[in-house]
């Protein structure tokens, strides 16, 4: 599940910029709690979008740990990237919001995948 959350975060930023050009210059620690996996995925992506909107951060590296709590789940993550620079990062599509629409978390024998739709 943690790796799927990392990949979802990378996909979110890939919609907005070419993440291969984003260097790991700044680190942000994220800690969130939610009652279930879908709420945690929504809160995770929403928090990353907040960092982008409020601080002009674009991210390219994510290290996620997800654990159970008495009330649900907790995510602790280290997120790395840098401030958006139009000379370096060509802007792709602006993401306005994360949605619950068509959100899915699928588990297979040895894998987990997540799907989230964003509002552009």
N, C-alpha and C. Protein backbone atom coordinates (compact mmCIF):
# COMPACT_ATOMS: atom_id res chain seq x y z
N UNK A 1 0.82 -1.20 0.00
CA UNK A 1 0.00 0.00 0.00
C UNK A 1 0.87 1.26 0.00
N UNK A 2 1.94 1.25 0.77
CA UNK A 2 2.82 2.42 0.84
C UNK A 2 3.42 2.74 -0.53
N UNK A 3 3.87 1.72 -1.24
CA UNK A 3 4.45 1.95 -2.57
C UNK A 3 3.40 2.50 -3.54
N UNK A 4 2.18 2.01 -3.43
CA UNK A 4 1.10 2.52 -4.29
C UNK A 4 0.83 3.99 -3.99
N UNK A 5 0.89 4.39 -2.72
CA UNK A 5 0.71 5.79 -2.35
C UNK A 5 1.87 6.64 -2.90
N UNK A 6 3.08 6.10 -2.86
CA UNK A 6 4.24 6.82 -3.43
C UNK A 6 4.04 7.04 -4.92
N UNK A 7 3.59 5.99 -5.61
CA UNK A 7 3.38 6.09 -7.06
C UNK A 7 2.23 7.04 -7.40
N UNK A 8 1.19 7.06 -6.57
CA UNK A 8 0.07 7.98 -6.79
C UNK A 8 0.55 9.43 -6.66
N UNK A 9 1.41 9.67 -5.68
CA UNK A 9 1.96 11.02 -5.49
C UNK A 9 2.80 11.43 -6.69
N UNK A 10 3.63 10.52 -7.17
CA UNK A 10 4.46 10.81 -8.35
C UNK A 10 3.57 11.09 -9.56
N UNK A 11 2.52 10.30 -9.73
CA UNK A 11 1.60 10.51 -10.85
C UNK A 11 0.91 11.87 -10.76
N UNK A 12 0.55 12.29 -9.54
CA UNK A 12 -0.07 13.60 -9.35
C UNK A 12 0.84 14.71 -9.86
N UNK A 13 2.12 14.65 -9.48
CA UNK A 13 3.04 15.69 -9.91
C UNK A 13 3.42 15.54 -11.38
N UNK A 14 3.38 14.32 -11.90
CA UNK A 14 3.69 14.11 -13.32
C UNK A 14 2.63 14.76 -14.21
N UNK A 15 1.40 14.83 -13.72
CA UNK A 15 0.36 15.55 -14.46
C UNK A 15 0.74 17.02 -14.60
N UNK A 16 1.37 17.58 -13.56
CA UNK A 16 1.65 19.01 -13.52
C UNK A 16 2.99 19.41 -14.13
N UNK A 17 4.02 18.56 -13.97
CA UNK A 17 5.37 18.87 -14.47
C UNK A 17 6.09 17.58 -14.87
N UNK A 18 7.19 17.73 -15.57
CA UNK A 18 8.07 16.59 -15.86
C UNK A 18 8.90 16.33 -14.60
N UNK A 19 8.54 15.31 -13.83
CA UNK A 19 9.20 15.08 -12.55
C UNK A 19 10.66 14.66 -12.70
N UNK A 20 11.07 14.23 -13.89
CA UNK A 20 12.48 13.87 -14.08
C UNK A 20 13.38 15.11 -13.97
N UNK A 21 12.80 16.29 -14.10
CA UNK A 21 13.57 17.53 -13.99
C UNK A 21 13.50 18.15 -12.60
N UNK A 22 12.79 17.49 -11.68
CA UNK A 22 12.64 18.01 -10.32
C UNK A 22 13.72 17.41 -9.44
N UNK A 23 14.54 18.26 -8.86
CA UNK A 23 15.62 17.82 -7.97
C UNK A 23 15.14 17.78 -6.52
N UNK A 24 15.76 16.89 -5.75
CA UNK A 24 15.41 16.73 -4.33
C UNK A 24 16.19 17.74 -3.50
N UNK A 25 15.79 19.01 -3.56
CA UNK A 25 16.49 20.09 -2.86
C UNK A 25 15.87 20.40 -1.50
N UNK A 26 14.57 20.18 -1.36
CA UNK A 26 13.87 20.47 -0.11
C UNK A 26 13.12 19.23 0.35
N UNK A 27 13.07 19.05 1.67
CA UNK A 27 12.34 17.91 2.22
C UNK A 27 11.20 18.42 3.09
N UNK A 28 10.06 17.79 2.94
CA UNK A 28 8.89 18.09 3.75
C UNK A 28 8.44 16.79 4.40
N UNK A 29 8.20 16.83 5.70
CA UNK A 29 7.66 15.66 6.40
C UNK A 29 6.15 15.80 6.49
N UNK A 30 5.47 14.69 6.24
CA UNK A 30 4.01 14.67 6.26
C UNK A 30 3.55 13.59 7.23
N UNK A 31 2.61 13.94 8.08
CA UNK A 31 1.97 12.96 8.96
C UNK A 31 0.47 13.23 8.93
N UNK A 32 -0.29 12.20 8.57
CA UNK A 32 -1.74 12.32 8.46
C UNK A 32 -2.40 11.09 9.06
N UNK A 33 -3.60 11.27 9.57
CA UNK A 33 -4.41 10.15 10.07
C UNK A 33 -5.76 10.19 9.38
N UNK A 34 -6.32 9.00 9.14
CA UNK A 34 -7.64 8.91 8.52
C UNK A 34 -8.31 7.62 8.97
N UNK A 35 -9.62 7.56 8.79
CA UNK A 35 -10.38 6.41 9.27
C UNK A 35 -10.26 5.19 8.37
N UNK A 36 -9.93 5.38 7.08
CA UNK A 36 -9.79 4.23 6.18
C UNK A 36 -8.81 4.56 5.05
N UNK A 37 -8.56 3.58 4.20
CA UNK A 37 -7.55 3.73 3.15
C UNK A 37 -7.91 4.80 2.13
N UNK A 38 -9.17 4.85 1.72
CA UNK A 38 -9.57 5.87 0.73
C UNK A 38 -9.43 7.28 1.29
N UNK A 39 -9.85 7.45 2.53
CA UNK A 39 -9.72 8.78 3.16
C UNK A 39 -8.25 9.15 3.29
N UNK A 40 -7.41 8.17 3.60
CA UNK A 40 -5.98 8.43 3.73
C UNK A 40 -5.37 8.82 2.37
N UNK A 41 -5.76 8.11 1.32
CA UNK A 41 -5.27 8.44 -0.03
C UNK A 41 -5.70 9.85 -0.42
N UNK A 42 -6.97 10.16 -0.18
CA UNK A 42 -7.47 11.50 -0.50
C UNK A 42 -6.69 12.56 0.27
N UNK A 43 -6.55 12.38 1.59
CA UNK A 43 -5.85 13.36 2.42
C UNK A 43 -4.39 13.51 2.01
N UNK A 44 -3.75 12.40 1.65
CA UNK A 44 -2.34 12.39 1.22
C UNK A 44 -2.16 13.24 -0.04
N UNK A 45 -2.95 12.95 -1.06
CA UNK A 45 -2.82 13.69 -2.31
C UNK A 45 -3.24 15.15 -2.14
N UNK A 46 -4.26 15.38 -1.33
CA UNK A 46 -4.72 16.74 -1.08
C UNK A 46 -3.64 17.56 -0.36
N UNK A 47 -2.95 16.96 0.59
CA UNK A 47 -1.87 17.66 1.30
C UNK A 47 -0.73 18.00 0.34
N UNK A 48 -0.38 17.07 -0.54
CA UNK A 48 0.68 17.35 -1.51
C UNK A 48 0.28 18.47 -2.47
N UNK A 49 -0.97 18.47 -2.87
CA UNK A 49 -1.47 19.54 -3.73
C UNK A 49 -1.43 20.88 -2.99
N UNK A 50 -1.71 20.86 -1.69
CA UNK A 50 -1.61 22.07 -0.87
C UNK A 50 -0.18 22.61 -0.88
N UNK A 51 0.81 21.72 -0.69
CA UNK A 51 2.21 22.16 -0.71
C UNK A 51 2.55 22.82 -2.05
N UNK A 52 2.01 22.25 -3.12
CA UNK A 52 2.25 22.82 -4.45
C UNK A 52 1.61 24.20 -4.58
N UNK A 53 0.35 24.29 -4.18
CA UNK A 53 -0.38 25.55 -4.34
C UNK A 53 0.12 26.65 -3.40
N UNK A 54 0.36 26.31 -2.15
CA UNK A 54 0.72 27.31 -1.15
C UNK A 54 2.19 27.70 -1.19
N UNK A 55 3.05 26.74 -1.52
CA UNK A 55 4.50 26.97 -1.45
C UNK A 55 5.22 26.83 -2.78
N UNK A 56 4.46 26.63 -3.86
CA UNK A 56 5.04 26.45 -5.20
C UNK A 56 6.06 25.31 -5.23
N UNK A 57 5.79 24.25 -4.48
CA UNK A 57 6.70 23.10 -4.46
C UNK A 57 6.25 22.07 -5.48
N UNK A 58 7.22 21.54 -6.21
CA UNK A 58 6.99 20.38 -7.07
C UNK A 58 7.83 19.25 -6.49
N UNK A 59 7.26 18.08 -6.41
CA UNK A 59 7.90 16.96 -5.72
C UNK A 59 8.19 15.82 -6.69
N UNK A 60 9.23 15.07 -6.37
CA UNK A 60 9.59 13.95 -7.24
C UNK A 60 10.01 12.69 -6.49
N UNK A 61 10.21 12.80 -5.18
CA UNK A 61 10.61 11.62 -4.40
C UNK A 61 9.73 11.52 -3.17
N UNK A 62 9.28 10.30 -2.91
CA UNK A 62 8.34 10.08 -1.82
C UNK A 62 8.72 8.80 -1.08
N UNK A 63 8.80 8.88 0.21
CA UNK A 63 9.05 7.69 1.05
C UNK A 63 7.91 7.63 2.05
N UNK A 64 7.07 6.63 1.91
CA UNK A 64 5.83 6.53 2.68
C UNK A 64 5.86 5.33 3.61
N UNK A 65 5.36 5.53 4.82
CA UNK A 65 5.13 4.45 5.77
C UNK A 65 3.68 4.57 6.24
N UNK A 66 2.94 3.48 6.15
CA UNK A 66 1.54 3.47 6.58
C UNK A 66 1.40 2.46 7.70
N UNK A 67 0.76 2.88 8.78
CA UNK A 67 0.56 1.98 9.92
C UNK A 67 -0.87 2.09 10.42
N UNK A 68 -1.30 1.06 11.14
CA UNK A 68 -2.64 1.06 11.73
C UNK A 68 -2.60 1.79 13.06
N UNK A 69 -3.69 2.47 13.36
CA UNK A 69 -3.87 3.13 14.65
C UNK A 69 -5.19 2.64 15.24
N UNK A 70 -5.45 2.93 16.51
CA UNK A 70 -6.74 2.52 17.08
C UNK A 70 -7.94 3.11 16.34
N UNK A 71 -7.74 4.27 15.71
CA UNK A 71 -8.85 4.94 15.02
C UNK A 71 -8.84 4.76 13.50
N UNK A 72 -7.87 4.05 12.97
CA UNK A 72 -7.80 3.89 11.51
C UNK A 72 -6.39 3.67 11.02
N UNK A 73 -5.89 4.61 10.24
CA UNK A 73 -4.57 4.49 9.63
C UNK A 73 -3.80 5.80 9.77
N UNK A 74 -2.48 5.67 9.72
CA UNK A 74 -1.61 6.84 9.79
C UNK A 74 -0.55 6.72 8.70
N UNK A 75 -0.27 7.84 8.06
CA UNK A 75 0.80 7.90 7.08
C UNK A 75 1.88 8.83 7.62
N UNK A 76 3.12 8.37 7.53
CA UNK A 76 4.28 9.19 7.83
C UNK A 76 5.14 9.14 6.58
N UNK A 77 5.46 10.30 6.05
CA UNK A 77 6.17 10.33 4.77
C UNK A 77 7.20 11.45 4.73
N UNK A 78 8.25 11.19 3.97
CA UNK A 78 9.22 12.21 3.61
C UNK A 78 9.05 12.49 2.13
N UNK A 79 8.90 13.74 1.80
CA UNK A 79 8.63 14.16 0.43
C UNK A 79 9.73 15.13 0.02
N UNK A 80 10.32 14.90 -1.16
CA UNK A 80 11.42 15.76 -1.60
C UNK A 80 11.15 16.35 -2.98
N UNK A 81 11.60 17.58 -3.13
CA UNK A 81 11.43 18.28 -4.39
C UNK A 81 12.07 19.65 -4.32
N UNK A 82 11.51 20.58 -5.07
CA UNK A 82 12.05 21.94 -5.08
C UNK A 82 10.95 22.91 -5.48
N UNK A 83 11.25 24.18 -5.36
CA UNK A 83 10.30 25.22 -5.76
C UNK A 83 10.16 25.23 -7.29
N UNK A 84 8.95 25.43 -7.72
CA UNK A 84 8.68 25.50 -9.16
C UNK A 84 9.46 26.65 -9.78
N UNK A 85 10.15 26.34 -10.88
CA UNK A 85 10.93 27.33 -11.61
C UNK A 85 10.51 27.21 -13.08
N UNK A 86 9.80 28.21 -13.61
CA UNK A 86 9.31 28.11 -14.98
C UNK A 86 10.42 27.95 -16.02
N UNK A 87 11.62 28.40 -15.71
CA UNK A 87 12.74 28.24 -16.64
C UNK A 87 13.21 26.78 -16.69
N UNK A 88 12.97 26.05 -15.62
CA UNK A 88 13.44 24.67 -15.51
C UNK A 88 12.30 23.66 -15.68
N UNK A 89 11.16 23.95 -15.11
CA UNK A 89 10.02 23.02 -15.10
C UNK A 89 8.94 23.53 -16.04
N UNK A 90 8.77 22.86 -17.15
CA UNK A 90 7.69 23.26 -18.04
C UNK A 90 6.37 22.79 -17.44
N UNK A 91 5.47 23.74 -17.23
CA UNK A 91 4.19 23.41 -16.61
C UNK A 91 3.32 22.66 -17.59
N UNK A 92 2.72 21.59 -17.12
CA UNK A 92 1.82 20.79 -17.96
C UNK A 92 0.38 21.20 -17.67
N UNK A 93 -0.33 20.40 -16.94
CA UNK A 93 -1.74 20.65 -16.63
C UNK A 93 -1.89 20.98 -15.16
N UNK A 94 -2.56 22.07 -14.87
CA UNK A 94 -2.79 22.46 -13.47
C UNK A 94 -3.86 21.55 -12.86
N UNK A 95 -3.58 21.04 -11.68
CA UNK A 95 -4.55 20.23 -10.94
C UNK A 95 -5.21 21.13 -9.91
N UNK A 96 -6.54 21.20 -9.96
CA UNK A 96 -7.29 22.06 -9.04
C UNK A 96 -7.59 21.36 -7.72
N UNK A 97 -7.93 20.06 -7.81
CA UNK A 97 -8.35 19.35 -6.60
C UNK A 97 -8.27 17.85 -6.79
N UNK A 98 -8.20 17.15 -5.68
CA UNK A 98 -8.30 15.69 -5.64
C UNK A 98 -9.78 15.39 -5.40
N UNK A 99 -10.28 14.29 -5.96
CA UNK A 99 -11.68 13.93 -5.75
C UNK A 99 -11.79 12.48 -5.28
N UNK A 100 -12.95 12.14 -4.74
CA UNK A 100 -13.26 10.75 -4.41
C UNK A 100 -13.86 10.01 -5.60
N UNK A 101 -14.18 10.74 -6.67
CA UNK A 101 -14.83 10.15 -7.84
C UNK A 101 -13.96 9.02 -8.42
N UNK A 102 -14.54 7.85 -8.52
CA UNK A 102 -13.89 6.66 -9.08
C UNK A 102 -12.63 6.25 -8.31
N UNK A 103 -12.47 6.71 -7.08
CA UNK A 103 -11.30 6.31 -6.29
C UNK A 103 -11.40 4.82 -5.98
N UNK A 104 -10.30 4.13 -6.18
CA UNK A 104 -10.24 2.69 -5.92
C UNK A 104 -8.92 2.32 -5.30
N UNK A 105 -8.97 1.32 -4.43
CA UNK A 105 -7.76 0.69 -3.91
C UNK A 105 -7.96 -0.80 -4.13
N UNK A 106 -7.13 -1.39 -4.97
CA UNK A 106 -7.26 -2.80 -5.33
C UNK A 106 -6.05 -3.56 -4.82
N UNK A 107 -6.33 -4.72 -4.25
CA UNK A 107 -5.26 -5.56 -3.74
C UNK A 107 -5.25 -6.89 -4.49
N UNK A 108 -4.06 -7.26 -4.94
CA UNK A 108 -3.88 -8.55 -5.57
C UNK A 108 -3.08 -9.44 -4.65
N UNK A 109 -2.64 -10.57 -5.16
CA UNK A 109 -1.88 -11.50 -4.34
C UNK A 109 -0.61 -10.86 -3.79
N UNK A 110 0.16 -10.24 -4.65
CA UNK A 110 1.43 -9.64 -4.24
C UNK A 110 1.53 -8.16 -4.59
N UNK A 111 0.39 -7.53 -4.85
CA UNK A 111 0.47 -6.13 -5.25
C UNK A 111 -0.78 -5.37 -4.81
N UNK A 112 -0.63 -4.08 -4.85
CA UNK A 112 -1.73 -3.18 -4.51
C UNK A 112 -1.69 -2.04 -5.51
N UNK A 113 -2.84 -1.60 -5.97
CA UNK A 113 -2.88 -0.45 -6.86
C UNK A 113 -3.96 0.51 -6.38
N UNK A 114 -3.73 1.77 -6.65
CA UNK A 114 -4.70 2.79 -6.28
C UNK A 114 -5.06 3.60 -7.51
N UNK A 115 -6.26 4.14 -7.49
CA UNK A 115 -6.72 5.01 -8.57
C UNK A 115 -7.39 6.22 -7.94
N UNK A 116 -7.03 7.39 -8.39
CA UNK A 116 -7.67 8.62 -7.94
C UNK A 116 -7.84 9.54 -9.13
N UNK A 117 -8.97 10.20 -9.18
CA UNK A 117 -9.26 11.15 -10.25
C UNK A 117 -9.07 12.55 -9.70
N UNK A 118 -8.40 13.40 -10.47
CA UNK A 118 -8.18 14.78 -10.05
C UNK A 118 -8.99 15.72 -10.94
N UNK A 119 -9.33 16.86 -10.37
CA UNK A 119 -10.05 17.90 -11.10
C UNK A 119 -9.03 18.85 -11.71
N UNK A 120 -9.12 19.04 -13.04
CA UNK A 120 -8.16 19.93 -13.71
C UNK A 120 -8.85 21.17 -14.27
